[in-house]
Structure formats: structure tokens, C-alpha cells
Amino acid sequence: MSQKFKVCIHYENDYGYIAYDPDTKAFSVVLANAEKKKVVEDYLSTPKTIEVANGKTIHDFASQTGLPTDSLEFFQNNLARLWNDTGVLIDWSHPVA
């Protein structure tokens, strides 16, 4: 059994978190702002095609397509793009218990 991945999020002065379970591929969003919570849930439930570094050089990228929940790595790569599409910021350095 793997451990859940959790990351802090915030929108304006509203702090919450996103939790993801790689075993079940399920996620949950905790945010008091119901409108932004729904936007994040919709974002993470919709298939995406994103460009990700393929590890050879800093100039080489490859397209990946799927649901953000397909894997932990793809989930995290999609979270890195969350701000641009939703206005909800991922606070990578803020610990979540």
C-alpha cells in the first residue's frame, strides 16, 4: 500500500489541500471556496495533453495524454499547471499533515 500524496493549495486567503491515492487513483480537494473547489475537481477529472520533459536535455519534451489521476507523476505534472487554468496556487513548500 502506498502513501497518499498531499499538497497545500490556496486561493486568495483560503488555504486547503489536495490528496491523491496512487493505489485507487482517487483524489479529494479540501477548500472552503466551493466555486474554486469545483473548478479544481473538474480540472483534475478531465483528460489532458501536456508537454513534459523527457529527461534527455532541457530542450526535449514529449506529449503525454490521459487523466491527471493516471499516475502520481502525471498527477503532479498536471498540478504544476493548475494555477494557469484555475487561479488556484499549489504551495509545494507548505507541509500538509
C-alpha atoms as a PDB file:
ATOM      1  CA  MET A   1       0.000   0.000   0.000  1.00  0.00           C
ATOM      2  CA  SER A   2       1.434   3.351  -0.996  1.00  0.00           C
ATOM      3  CA  GLN A   3       1.072   6.521   1.000  1.00  0.00           C
ATOM      4  CA  LYS A   4      -1.276   9.304  -0.054  1.00  0.00           C
ATOM      5  CA  PHE A   5       0.267  12.313  -1.707  1.00  0.00           C
ATOM      6  CA  LYS A   6      -0.900  15.632  -0.233  1.00  0.00           C
ATOM      7  CA  VAL A   7      -0.112  19.173  -1.266  1.00  0.00           C
ATOM      8  CA  CYS A   8      -1.242  22.534   0.075  1.00  0.00           C
ATOM      9  CA  ILE A   9      -3.336  24.792  -2.159  1.00  0.00           C
ATOM     10  CA  HIS A  10      -4.701  28.263  -1.769  1.00  0.00           C
ATOM     11  CA  TYR A  11      -6.927  30.752  -3.474  1.00  0.00           C
ATOM     12  CA  GLU A  12      -6.668  34.294  -2.148  1.00  0.00           C
ATOM     13  CA  ASN A  13      -6.754  33.811   1.676  1.00  0.00           C
ATOM     14  CA  ASP A  14      -8.416  30.391   1.517  1.00  0.00           C
ATOM     15  CA  TYR A  15      -5.995  27.539   2.276  1.00  0.00           C
ATOM     16  CA  GLY A  16      -6.706  23.862   1.758  1.00  0.00           C
ATOM     17  CA  TYR A  17      -5.123  20.801   0.194  1.00  0.00           C
ATOM     18  CA  ILE A  18      -5.382  18.157  -2.482  1.00  0.00           C
ATOM     19  CA  ALA A  19      -4.887  14.498  -1.544  1.00  0.00           C
ATOM     20  CA  TYR A  20      -4.225  11.731  -4.083  1.00  0.00           C
ATOM     21  CA  ASP A  21      -4.079   7.986  -3.503  1.00  0.00           C
ATOM     22  CA  PRO A  22      -1.932   6.258  -6.177  1.00  0.00           C
ATOM     23  CA  ASP A  23      -3.425   2.836  -5.317  1.00  0.00           C
ATOM     24  CA  THR A  24      -7.033   3.803  -6.003  1.00  0.00           C
ATOM     25  CA  LYS A  25      -6.279   6.763  -8.309  1.00  0.00           C
ATOM     26  CA  ALA A  26      -8.768   8.793  -6.258  1.00  0.00           C
ATOM     27  CA  PHE A  27      -8.281  12.384  -5.171  1.00  0.00           C
ATOM     28  CA  SER A  28     -10.007  14.828  -2.865  1.00  0.00           C
ATOM     29  CA  VAL A  29      -9.953  18.606  -2.733  1.00  0.00           C
ATOM     30  CA  VAL A  30     -10.381  20.457   0.549  1.00  0.00           C
ATOM     31  CA  LEU A  31     -11.019  24.161   0.006  1.00  0.00           C
ATOM     32  CA  ALA A  32     -13.655  26.375   1.653  1.00  0.00           C
ATOM     33  CA  ASN A  33     -14.344  28.319  -1.562  1.00  0.00           C
ATOM     34  CA  ALA A  34     -16.913  25.979  -3.133  1.00  0.00           C
ATOM     35  CA  GLU A  35     -16.661  27.543  -6.595  1.00  0.00           C
ATOM     36  CA  LYS A  36     -12.879  27.140  -6.802  1.00  0.00           C
ATOM     37  CA  LYS A  37     -13.057  23.674  -5.249  1.00  0.00           C
ATOM     38  CA  LYS A  38     -15.386  22.609  -8.088  1.00  0.00           C
ATOM     39  CA  VAL A  39     -13.077  24.180 -10.696  1.00  0.00           C
ATOM     40  CA  VAL A  40     -10.120  22.172  -9.319  1.00  0.00           C
ATOM     41  CA  GLU A  41     -12.168  18.952  -9.161  1.00  0.00           C
ATOM     42  CA  ASP A  42     -13.270  19.445 -12.770  1.00  0.00           C
ATOM     43  CA  TYR A  43      -9.702  20.191 -13.853  1.00  0.00           C
ATOM     44  CA  LEU A  44      -8.384  17.002 -12.251  1.00  0.00           C
ATOM     45  CA  SER A  45     -11.248  14.904 -13.679  1.00  0.00           C
ATOM     46  CA  THR A  46     -10.755  15.973 -17.304  1.00  0.00           C
ATOM     47  CA  PRO A  47      -8.292  14.308 -19.714  1.00  0.00           C
ATOM     48  CA  LYS A  48      -5.265  16.475 -20.521  1.00  0.00           C
ATOM     49  CA  THR A  49      -2.452  16.528 -23.044  1.00  0.00           C
ATOM     50  CA  ILE A  50       0.643  18.176 -21.592  1.00  0.00           C
ATOM     51  CA  GLU A  51       4.265  18.540 -22.588  1.00  0.00           C
ATOM     52  CA  VAL A  52       6.678  17.009 -20.081  1.00  0.00           C
ATOM     53  CA  ALA A  53      10.467  16.903 -20.015  1.00  0.00           C
ATOM     54  CA  ASN A  54      11.702  13.530 -21.210  1.00  0.00           C
ATOM     55  CA  GLY A  55      14.930  13.652 -19.225  1.00  0.00           C
ATOM     56  CA  LYS A  56      17.418  13.784 -22.109  1.00  0.00           C
ATOM     57  CA  THR A  57      18.034  17.545 -22.200  1.00  0.00           C
ATOM     58  CA  ILE A  58      16.237  20.675 -21.049  1.00  0.00           C
ATOM     59  CA  HIS A  59      15.068  21.186 -24.625  1.00  0.00           C
ATOM     60  CA  ASP A  60      13.405  17.792 -25.146  1.00  0.00           C
ATOM     61  CA  PHE A  61       9.741  17.375 -24.328  1.00  0.00           C
ATOM     62  CA  ALA A  62       7.193  14.685 -25.046  1.00  0.00           C
ATOM     63  CA  SER A  63       3.407  14.875 -25.097  1.00  0.00           C
ATOM     64  CA  GLN A  64       1.508  12.854 -22.516  1.00  0.00           C
ATOM     65  CA  THR A  65      -2.240  12.369 -22.681  1.00  0.00           C
ATOM     66  CA  GLY A  66      -4.599  10.962 -20.073  1.00  0.00           C
ATOM     67  CA  LEU A  67      -6.468  11.705 -16.907  1.00  0.00           C
ATOM     68  CA  PRO A  68      -4.386  13.548 -14.329  1.00  0.00           C
ATOM     69  CA  THR A  69      -5.106  10.655 -11.958  1.00  0.00           C
ATOM     70  CA  ASP A  70      -3.488   8.024 -14.217  1.00  0.00           C
ATOM     71  CA  SER A  71      -0.288   8.059 -12.151  1.00  0.00           C
ATOM     72  CA  LEU A  72       1.327  10.051  -9.353  1.00  0.00           C
ATOM     73  CA  GLU A  73       3.887  11.558 -11.747  1.00  0.00           C
ATOM     74  CA  PHE A  74       1.206  12.635 -14.242  1.00  0.00           C
ATOM     75  CA  PHE A  75      -0.917  13.977 -11.357  1.00  0.00           C
ATOM     76  CA  GLN A  76       1.989  16.107 -10.109  1.00  0.00           C
ATOM     77  CA  ASN A  77       2.783  17.348 -13.629  1.00  0.00           C
ATOM     78  CA  ASN A  78      -0.826  18.450 -14.020  1.00  0.00           C
ATOM     79  CA  LEU A  79      -0.779  20.156 -10.615  1.00  0.00           C
ATOM     80  CA  ALA A  80       2.181  22.211 -11.821  1.00  0.00           C
ATOM     81  CA  ARG A  81      -0.161  23.663 -14.460  1.00  0.00           C
ATOM     82  CA  LEU A  82      -3.163  24.159 -12.154  1.00  0.00           C
ATOM     83  CA  TRP A  83      -2.529  27.865 -11.498  1.00  0.00           C
ATOM     84  CA  ASN A  84      -2.654  28.796 -15.200  1.00  0.00           C
ATOM     85  CA  ASP A  85      -6.033  27.129 -15.737  1.00  0.00           C
ATOM     86  CA  THR A  86      -7.806  27.701 -12.412  1.00  0.00           C
ATOM     87  CA  GLY A  87      -6.121  30.513 -10.474  1.00  0.00           C
ATOM     88  CA  VAL A  88      -5.606  28.112  -7.545  1.00  0.00           C
ATOM     89  CA  LEU A  89      -1.993  28.042  -6.401  1.00  0.00           C
ATOM     90  CA  ILE A  90      -0.114  24.914  -5.382  1.00  0.00           C
ATOM     91  CA  ASP A  91       2.068  25.690  -2.368  1.00  0.00           C
ATOM     92  CA  TRP A  92       4.672  22.941  -2.809  1.00  0.00           C
ATOM     93  CA  SER A  93       6.735  24.019   0.212  1.00  0.00           C
ATOM     94  CA  HIS A  94       3.864  24.225   2.708  1.00  0.00           C
ATOM     95  CA  PRO A  95       3.601  20.926   4.649  1.00  0.00           C
ATOM     96  CA  VAL A  96       0.245  19.158   4.927  1.00  0.00           C
ATOM     97  CA  ALA A  97      -0.278  16.738   7.835  1.00  0.00           C
END
